[in-house]
Protein backbone atom coordinates (compact mmCIF):
# COMPACT_ATOMS: atom_id res chain seq x y z
CA MET A 1 123.59 -84.44 -51.27
CA SER A 2 120.43 -86.40 -51.92
CA ASN A 3 118.90 -87.49 -55.20
CA THR A 4 122.13 -86.74 -57.01
CA VAL A 5 122.00 -89.93 -59.09
CA ARG A 6 119.33 -92.46 -60.01
CA ILE A 7 119.73 -95.64 -62.07
CA TRP A 8 116.92 -97.76 -63.49
CA HIS A 9 115.86 -99.82 -66.51
CA GLU A 10 112.85 -99.65 -68.82
CA ASN A 11 111.48 -101.42 -71.87
CA LEU A 12 113.57 -104.57 -71.59
CA ALA A 13 113.53 -106.89 -74.60
CA VAL A 14 115.50 -109.73 -76.11
CA LEU A 15 117.37 -108.66 -79.22
CA GLY A 16 116.42 -110.95 -82.10
CA GLU A 17 117.84 -111.07 -85.64
CA ASP A 18 115.91 -108.03 -86.84
CA GLU A 19 113.43 -107.45 -84.05
CA ARG A 20 112.88 -106.91 -80.37
CA LEU A 21 111.30 -109.92 -78.69
CA PRO A 22 109.53 -110.06 -75.33
CA LEU A 23 111.76 -110.76 -72.34
CA SER A 24 109.86 -114.04 -71.92
CA SER A 25 111.72 -115.35 -75.01
CA LEU A 26 115.06 -115.06 -73.19
CA GLN A 27 117.67 -117.78 -73.76
CA PRO A 28 120.93 -118.15 -71.81
CA ASP A 29 122.97 -116.55 -74.62
CA SER A 30 120.46 -113.82 -75.51
CA HIS A 31 121.27 -110.14 -75.59
CA ILE A 32 118.96 -107.98 -73.48
CA HIS A 33 118.46 -104.44 -74.73
CA GLY A 34 116.25 -101.67 -73.44
CA GLY A 35 116.41 -98.33 -71.72
CA LEU A 36 119.10 -97.73 -69.15
CA ARG A 37 118.28 -94.52 -67.34
CA VAL A 38 121.00 -92.74 -65.41
CA GLN A 39 119.85 -89.42 -64.02
CA PHE A 40 122.13 -86.85 -62.41
CA GLY A 41 120.04 -84.30 -60.54
CA GLU A 42 117.36 -83.38 -63.07
CA ARG A 43 119.41 -84.40 -66.13
CA MET A 44 119.18 -87.73 -67.95
CA ALA A 45 122.50 -89.03 -69.31
CA PRO A 46 122.37 -89.16 -73.12
CA TYR A 47 124.06 -91.46 -75.65
CA LEU A 48 123.80 -94.66 -73.60
CA GLY A 49 121.98 -96.60 -76.34
CA PHE A 50 123.40 -97.44 -79.76
CA PHE A 51 120.32 -96.60 -81.82
CA GLY A 52 118.38 -94.49 -79.35
CA PRO A 53 117.67 -94.45 -75.62
CA ASP A 54 115.98 -97.89 -75.61
CA ASP A 55 118.87 -99.69 -77.32
CA VAL A 56 121.29 -100.13 -74.44
CA CYS A 57 123.08 -103.49 -74.33
CA PHE A 58 122.57 -104.57 -70.73
CA GLY A 59 125.24 -107.26 -70.93
CA GLN A 60 127.78 -104.50 -71.44
CA TRP A 61 126.35 -101.97 -69.01
CA LEU A 62 126.01 -104.57 -66.22
CA GLU A 63 129.77 -104.98 -66.54
CA GLU A 64 130.58 -101.26 -66.74
CA LEU A 65 128.38 -100.26 -63.81
CA TRP A 66 129.80 -103.17 -61.80
CA LEU A 67 133.38 -102.06 -62.55
CA THR A 68 132.50 -98.49 -61.55
CA ALA A 69 130.95 -99.68 -58.28
CA GLN A 70 133.96 -101.87 -57.54
CA ALA A 71 136.33 -98.95 -58.17
CA PHE A 72 134.26 -96.64 -55.94
CA GLN A 73 134.14 -99.23 -53.14
CA THR A 74 137.84 -99.99 -53.13
CA SER A 75 139.27 -96.48 -53.32
CA LYS A 76 138.38 -92.90 -52.46
CA GLU A 77 140.28 -91.90 -55.61
CA ALA A 78 139.04 -93.95 -58.55
CA ARG A 79 138.28 -93.69 -62.24
CA HIS A 80 136.47 -96.02 -64.63
CA THR A 81 136.04 -95.27 -68.32
CA PHE A 82 133.72 -97.18 -70.64
CA ASP A 83 134.94 -96.52 -74.18
CA GLU A 84 134.06 -99.17 -76.69
CA GLY A 85 133.42 -96.75 -79.56
CA GLU A 86 130.79 -99.01 -81.14
CA GLN A 87 128.28 -97.28 -83.39
CA GLY A 88 130.14 -94.01 -82.83
CA GLN A 89 129.53 -93.98 -79.07
CA PRO A 90 131.50 -91.52 -76.92
CA ALA A 91 133.37 -92.55 -73.78
CA PHE A 92 131.64 -92.48 -70.40
CA VAL A 93 133.86 -91.53 -67.47
CA PHE A 94 133.04 -92.13 -63.80
CA GLU A 95 135.46 -90.65 -61.27
CA ARG A 96 135.58 -90.62 -57.50
CA ALA A 97 137.48 -87.90 -55.65
CA GLY A 98 137.01 -88.43 -51.93
CA GLU A 99 133.41 -87.81 -50.93
CA ALA A 100 132.39 -86.59 -54.39
CA ALA A 101 132.05 -88.35 -57.72
CA PHE A 102 131.83 -87.02 -61.26
CA PHE A 103 130.41 -88.18 -64.60
CA SER A 104 131.67 -86.98 -67.98
CA ILE A 105 130.99 -87.81 -71.60
CA ALA A 106 134.38 -87.72 -73.30
CA ALA A 107 135.78 -88.20 -76.78
CA SER A 108 136.23 -91.84 -77.70
CA ASP A 109 139.68 -93.23 -78.36
CA PHE A 110 138.11 -95.88 -80.63
CA SER A 111 135.61 -93.98 -82.75
CA GLU A 112 135.29 -90.46 -84.04
CA ALA A 113 132.75 -89.63 -81.34
CA GLU A 114 133.43 -86.36 -79.60
CA GLY A 115 132.80 -85.57 -75.97
CA ASP A 116 129.84 -83.47 -74.91
CA MET A 117 130.83 -80.15 -73.36
CA ASP A 118 127.48 -80.00 -71.51
CA TRP A 119 128.34 -83.27 -69.78
CA GLN A 120 131.69 -82.59 -68.16
CA HIS A 121 132.39 -83.25 -64.49
CA ILE A 122 128.75 -83.64 -63.39
CA GLU A 123 128.90 -84.11 -59.63
CA PHE A 124 127.07 -86.82 -57.70
CA SER A 125 127.42 -88.78 -54.46
CA PRO A 126 129.52 -91.95 -54.71
CA GLU A 127 127.58 -93.51 -51.82
CA GLU A 128 124.31 -92.78 -53.57
CA PHE A 129 125.70 -94.30 -56.78
CA LEU A 130 126.55 -97.50 -54.89
CA GLU A 131 123.07 -97.66 -53.39
CA GLN A 132 121.41 -97.00 -56.75
CA HIS A 133 123.61 -99.57 -58.46
CA SER A 134 122.57 -102.20 -55.93
CA ARG A 135 118.87 -101.36 -56.38
CA PHE A 136 119.24 -101.37 -60.17
CA ARG A 137 120.81 -104.84 -60.11
CA GLU A 138 118.08 -106.22 -57.84
CA SER A 139 115.33 -104.78 -60.02
CA PHE A 140 116.95 -105.87 -63.29
CA PHE A 141 117.46 -109.47 -62.14
CA ALA A 142 113.95 -109.58 -60.64
CA ALA A 143 112.50 -108.52 -64.02
CA ILE A 144 114.40 -111.33 -65.74
CA ARG A 145 113.30 -113.90 -63.17
CA ALA A 146 109.67 -112.81 -63.46
CA SER A 147 109.60 -112.84 -67.27
CA ALA A 148 111.75 -115.89 -68.00
CA PRO A 149 111.83 -118.03 -64.86
CA THR A 150 113.11 -121.20 -66.53
CA VAL A 151 116.28 -119.61 -67.98
CA ALA A 152 116.79 -116.58 -65.73
CA GLU A 153 119.35 -118.13 -63.40
CA ASP A 154 121.40 -119.48 -66.31
CA TRP A 155 121.38 -116.06 -68.04
CA ILE A 156 122.33 -114.30 -64.80
CA GLN A 157 125.11 -116.80 -64.09
CA ARG A 158 126.59 -116.12 -67.54
CA HIS A 159 126.17 -112.33 -67.62
CA ASP A 160 126.42 -111.02 -64.06
CA PRO A 161 130.00 -109.84 -63.45
CA ALA A 162 129.55 -110.60 -59.73
CA ASN A 163 129.66 -114.30 -60.69
CA ARG A 164 133.07 -113.99 -62.30
CA LYS A 165 135.89 -115.88 -60.64
CA SER A 166 138.75 -113.62 -59.52
């Protein structure tokens, strides 16, 4: 399997009170929103953003993608579900079964969001996911460092789950 999954970011911005601010206005406690793109084969995963595809909270998705990668690295049989239910979001399920992995959009336990029958058990390569996750993290942090060099390391230290003490 090649090109079974791709992960990247677009249109990053700092979330202000009622507006999107340039990434250069980043502060250590800022929320970064933008477009998280997760593509399986030729299909782009829907519903990732709260109010459209460019309203993904990267603080949350850094954590969820990290937890998925950790699960995939530590076990050939793994499952990670991101189900916060905010703004009526569905649950996102990542599963590893040996040398294959699967993505599903399921009904949320916390909101009234239903699953999406067109997005059940979409197969991808777990190794490719891990590679894409690593590239995504590098690119995301490089974008922050380039746009807000004076606060980037502080923001990353606070928001990167890899910095968490066990």
